[in-house]
């Protein structure tokens, strides 16, 4: 059995229940340090803490009218912190949206469904 190196993970989602469920799934098999942010702006201001991965919801402005959306935050993170892996999480099942996020710097694109949380946790555990 391979030892999993704990990672620093930021989750950015304005849906508290989704973020908590994802956090629990990520921490189920490894002692990852997981922080949750409701807005991309809050996450961006914490990036000097050097997370290994940011899990970013595509739609982020449902609770805060003037909050930036996930695509805007994706571009900002990728431009300023290109070494951070960014996993986009969205309910959008359109290939074009997935491709757009990958072109803008996303490492992976996951459809927001319970199986995706297990896949995200596995991807984090496999990171070196």
C-alpha atoms as a PDB file:
ATOM      1  CA  UNK A   1       0.000   0.000   0.000  1.00  0.00           C
ATOM      2  CA  UNK A   2       1.322   3.401  -1.015  1.00  0.00           C
ATOM      3  CA  UNK A   3       1.554   6.152   1.590  1.00  0.00           C
ATOM      4  CA  UNK A   4      -0.494   9.239   0.679  1.00  0.00           C
ATOM      5  CA  UNK A   5       1.280  12.555   1.219  1.00  0.00           C
ATOM      6  CA  UNK A   6      -1.155  15.029   2.840  1.00  0.00           C
ATOM      7  CA  UNK A   7      -2.046  17.902   0.525  1.00  0.00           C
ATOM      8  CA  UNK A   8      -3.355  21.397   1.107  1.00  0.00           C
ATOM      9  CA  UNK A   9      -6.711  21.660  -0.669  1.00  0.00           C
ATOM     10  CA  UNK A  10      -8.916  24.710  -1.194  1.00  0.00           C
ATOM     11  CA  UNK A  11     -12.583  24.187  -2.060  1.00  0.00           C
ATOM     12  CA  UNK A  12     -14.410  27.170  -3.544  1.00  0.00           C
ATOM     13  CA  UNK A  13     -18.176  26.671  -3.637  1.00  0.00           C
ATOM     14  CA  UNK A  14     -21.038  28.893  -2.512  1.00  0.00           C
ATOM     15  CA  UNK A  15     -23.135  25.801  -1.683  1.00  0.00           C
ATOM     16  CA  UNK A  16     -22.132  24.925   1.890  1.00  0.00           C
ATOM     17  CA  UNK A  17     -23.536  21.372   1.834  1.00  0.00           C
ATOM     18  CA  UNK A  18     -21.715  20.508  -1.387  1.00  0.00           C
ATOM     19  CA  UNK A  19     -18.454  21.916  -0.055  1.00  0.00           C
ATOM     20  CA  UNK A  20     -18.750  20.001   3.231  1.00  0.00           C
ATOM     21  CA  UNK A  21     -19.604  16.734   1.479  1.00  0.00           C
ATOM     22  CA  UNK A  22     -16.632  17.163  -0.834  1.00  0.00           C
ATOM     23  CA  UNK A  23     -14.371  17.995   2.122  1.00  0.00           C
ATOM     24  CA  UNK A  24     -15.491  14.859   3.985  1.00  0.00           C
ATOM     25  CA  UNK A  25     -14.896  12.711   0.898  1.00  0.00           C
ATOM     26  CA  UNK A  26     -11.403  14.151   0.399  1.00  0.00           C
ATOM     27  CA  UNK A  27     -10.446  13.608   4.034  1.00  0.00           C
ATOM     28  CA  UNK A  28     -11.912  10.099   4.210  1.00  0.00           C
ATOM     29  CA  UNK A  29      -8.703   8.252   3.249  1.00  0.00           C
ATOM     30  CA  UNK A  30      -6.000  10.834   3.941  1.00  0.00           C
ATOM     31  CA  UNK A  31      -5.224  13.637   6.358  1.00  0.00           C
ATOM     32  CA  UNK A  32      -5.420  16.410   3.783  1.00  0.00           C
ATOM     33  CA  UNK A  33      -5.719  19.972   5.050  1.00  0.00           C
ATOM     34  CA  UNK A  34      -8.941  21.252   3.461  1.00  0.00           C
ATOM     35  CA  UNK A  35     -10.184  24.856   3.572  1.00  0.00           C
ATOM     36  CA  UNK A  36     -13.556  25.998   2.223  1.00  0.00           C
ATOM     37  CA  UNK A  37     -14.225  29.403   0.671  1.00  0.00           C
ATOM     38  CA  UNK A  38     -17.609  30.785  -0.389  1.00  0.00           C
ATOM     39  CA  UNK A  39     -16.177  33.190  -2.948  1.00  0.00           C
ATOM     40  CA  UNK A  40     -13.326  33.080  -5.394  1.00  0.00           C
ATOM     41  CA  UNK A  41     -12.113  36.396  -4.042  1.00  0.00           C
ATOM     42  CA  UNK A  42     -11.712  34.884  -0.542  1.00  0.00           C
ATOM     43  CA  UNK A  43      -9.822  31.943  -2.011  1.00  0.00           C
ATOM     44  CA  UNK A  44      -7.570  34.165  -4.112  1.00  0.00           C
ATOM     45  CA  UNK A  45      -6.561  36.221  -1.075  1.00  0.00           C
ATOM     46  CA  UNK A  46      -5.528  32.972   0.697  1.00  0.00           C
ATOM     47  CA  UNK A  47      -3.408  31.632  -2.198  1.00  0.00           C
ATOM     48  CA  UNK A  48      -0.110  32.784  -0.618  1.00  0.00           C
ATOM     49  CA  UNK A  49      -0.672  29.749   1.677  1.00  0.00           C
ATOM     50  CA  UNK A  50       0.298  27.694  -1.421  1.00  0.00           C
ATOM     51  CA  UNK A  51      -2.396  25.027  -1.758  1.00  0.00           C
ATOM     52  CA  UNK A  52      -1.579  21.974  -3.863  1.00  0.00           C
ATOM     53  CA  UNK A  53      -4.974  22.084  -5.540  1.00  0.00           C
ATOM     54  CA  UNK A  54      -7.988  24.394  -5.778  1.00  0.00           C
ATOM     55  CA  UNK A  55     -11.386  22.835  -6.474  1.00  0.00           C
ATOM     56  CA  UNK A  56     -13.394  25.604  -8.062  1.00  0.00           C
ATOM     57  CA  UNK A  57     -17.125  25.701  -8.722  1.00  0.00           C
ATOM     58  CA  UNK A  58     -18.034  27.049 -12.149  1.00  0.00           C
ATOM     59  CA  UNK A  59     -21.011  29.083 -10.817  1.00  0.00           C
ATOM     60  CA  UNK A  60     -19.975  31.103  -7.785  1.00  0.00           C
ATOM     61  CA  UNK A  61     -22.214  34.129  -7.647  1.00  0.00           C
ATOM     62  CA  UNK A  62     -25.508  32.732  -6.362  1.00  0.00           C
ATOM     63  CA  UNK A  63     -25.077  33.995  -2.771  1.00  0.00           C
ATOM     64  CA  UNK A  64     -23.059  37.139  -3.469  1.00  0.00           C
ATOM     65  CA  UNK A  65     -24.397  39.161  -6.378  1.00  0.00           C
ATOM     66  CA  UNK A  66     -21.114  40.865  -7.258  1.00  0.00           C
ATOM     67  CA  UNK A  67     -18.862  37.836  -6.729  1.00  0.00           C
ATOM     68  CA  UNK A  68     -16.731  36.729  -9.653  1.00  0.00           C
ATOM     69  CA  UNK A  69     -17.730  33.528 -11.416  1.00  0.00           C
ATOM     70  CA  UNK A  70     -15.576  30.421 -11.474  1.00  0.00           C
ATOM     71  CA  UNK A  71     -14.168  31.076 -14.932  1.00  0.00           C
ATOM     72  CA  UNK A  72     -12.930  34.528 -13.899  1.00  0.00           C
ATOM     73  CA  UNK A  73     -11.301  33.123 -10.760  1.00  0.00           C
ATOM     74  CA  UNK A  74      -9.795  30.242 -12.754  1.00  0.00           C
ATOM     75  CA  UNK A  75      -8.051  32.717 -15.059  1.00  0.00           C
ATOM     76  CA  UNK A  76      -6.854  34.842 -12.137  1.00  0.00           C
ATOM     77  CA  UNK A  77      -5.384  31.859 -10.275  1.00  0.00           C
ATOM     78  CA  UNK A  78      -3.792  30.392 -13.411  1.00  0.00           C
ATOM     79  CA  UNK A  79      -2.197  33.718 -14.345  1.00  0.00           C
ATOM     80  CA  UNK A  80      -0.815  34.488 -10.874  1.00  0.00           C
ATOM     81  CA  UNK A  81      -0.157  30.980  -9.512  1.00  0.00           C
ATOM     82  CA  UNK A  82       0.439  28.740 -12.545  1.00  0.00           C
ATOM     83  CA  UNK A  83       1.839  25.859 -10.474  1.00  0.00           C
ATOM     84  CA  UNK A  84      -1.424  25.316  -8.535  1.00  0.00           C
ATOM     85  CA  UNK A  85      -3.592  22.549  -9.947  1.00  0.00           C
ATOM     86  CA  UNK A  86      -7.184  23.667 -10.500  1.00  0.00           C
ATOM     87  CA  UNK A  87     -10.072  21.207 -10.651  1.00  0.00           C
ATOM     88  CA  UNK A  88     -13.262  22.752 -12.017  1.00  0.00           C
ATOM     89  CA  UNK A  89     -16.517  21.440 -10.585  1.00  0.00           C
ATOM     90  CA  UNK A  90     -19.772  22.167 -12.367  1.00  0.00           C
ATOM     91  CA  UNK A  91     -23.265  20.922 -13.006  1.00  0.00           C
ATOM     92  CA  UNK A  92     -22.712  21.947 -16.635  1.00  0.00           C
ATOM     93  CA  UNK A  93     -22.461  18.791 -18.746  1.00  0.00           C
ATOM     94  CA  UNK A  94     -21.562  20.606 -21.943  1.00  0.00           C
ATOM     95  CA  UNK A  95     -18.336  19.564 -23.652  1.00  0.00           C
ATOM     96  CA  UNK A  96     -17.716  23.148 -24.796  1.00  0.00           C
ATOM     97  CA  UNK A  97     -17.738  24.447 -21.211  1.00  0.00           C
ATOM     98  CA  UNK A  98     -15.350  21.718 -20.080  1.00  0.00           C
ATOM     99  CA  UNK A  99     -13.006  22.533 -22.965  1.00  0.00           C
ATOM    100  CA  UNK A 100     -13.230  26.253 -22.235  1.00  0.00           C
ATOM    101  CA  UNK A 101     -12.138  25.726 -18.626  1.00  0.00           C
ATOM    102  CA  UNK A 102      -9.262  23.482 -19.723  1.00  0.00           C
ATOM    103  CA  UNK A 103      -8.111  26.110 -22.229  1.00  0.00           C
ATOM    104  CA  UNK A 104      -8.183  28.738 -19.474  1.00  0.00           C
ATOM    105  CA  UNK A 105      -5.960  26.651 -17.187  1.00  0.00           C
ATOM    106  CA  UNK A 106      -8.030  23.999 -15.432  1.00  0.00           C
ATOM    107  CA  UNK A 107      -6.211  20.731 -14.802  1.00  0.00           C
ATOM    108  CA  UNK A 108      -9.412  18.652 -14.655  1.00  0.00           C
ATOM    109  CA  UNK A 109     -13.149  19.179 -15.130  1.00  0.00           C
ATOM    110  CA  UNK A 110     -15.647  17.241 -13.009  1.00  0.00           C
ATOM    111  CA  UNK A 111     -19.440  17.138 -13.303  1.00  0.00           C
ATOM    112  CA  UNK A 112     -20.976  17.987  -9.927  1.00  0.00           C
ATOM    113  CA  UNK A 113     -22.379  14.642  -8.795  1.00  0.00           C
ATOM    114  CA  UNK A 114     -21.541  12.346  -5.853  1.00  0.00           C
ATOM    115  CA  UNK A 115     -19.346  10.012  -7.953  1.00  0.00           C
ATOM    116  CA  UNK A 116     -17.218  13.000  -8.951  1.00  0.00           C
ATOM    117  CA  UNK A 117     -16.294  13.635  -5.321  1.00  0.00           C
ATOM    118  CA  UNK A 118     -14.753  10.167  -5.087  1.00  0.00           C
ATOM    119  CA  UNK A 119     -12.885  10.774  -8.365  1.00  0.00           C
ATOM    120  CA  UNK A 120     -11.588  14.127  -7.087  1.00  0.00           C
ATOM    121  CA  UNK A 121     -10.407  12.541  -3.836  1.00  0.00           C
ATOM    122  CA  UNK A 122      -8.638   9.793  -5.807  1.00  0.00           C
ATOM    123  CA  UNK A 123      -6.948  12.368  -8.070  1.00  0.00           C
ATOM    124  CA  UNK A 124      -5.713  14.297  -5.020  1.00  0.00           C
ATOM    125  CA  UNK A 125      -4.425  11.110  -3.390  1.00  0.00           C
ATOM    126  CA  UNK A 126      -2.486  10.265  -6.561  1.00  0.00           C
ATOM    127  CA  UNK A 127      -0.817  13.677  -6.773  1.00  0.00           C
ATOM    128  CA  UNK A 128       2.936  13.703  -6.120  1.00  0.00           C
END
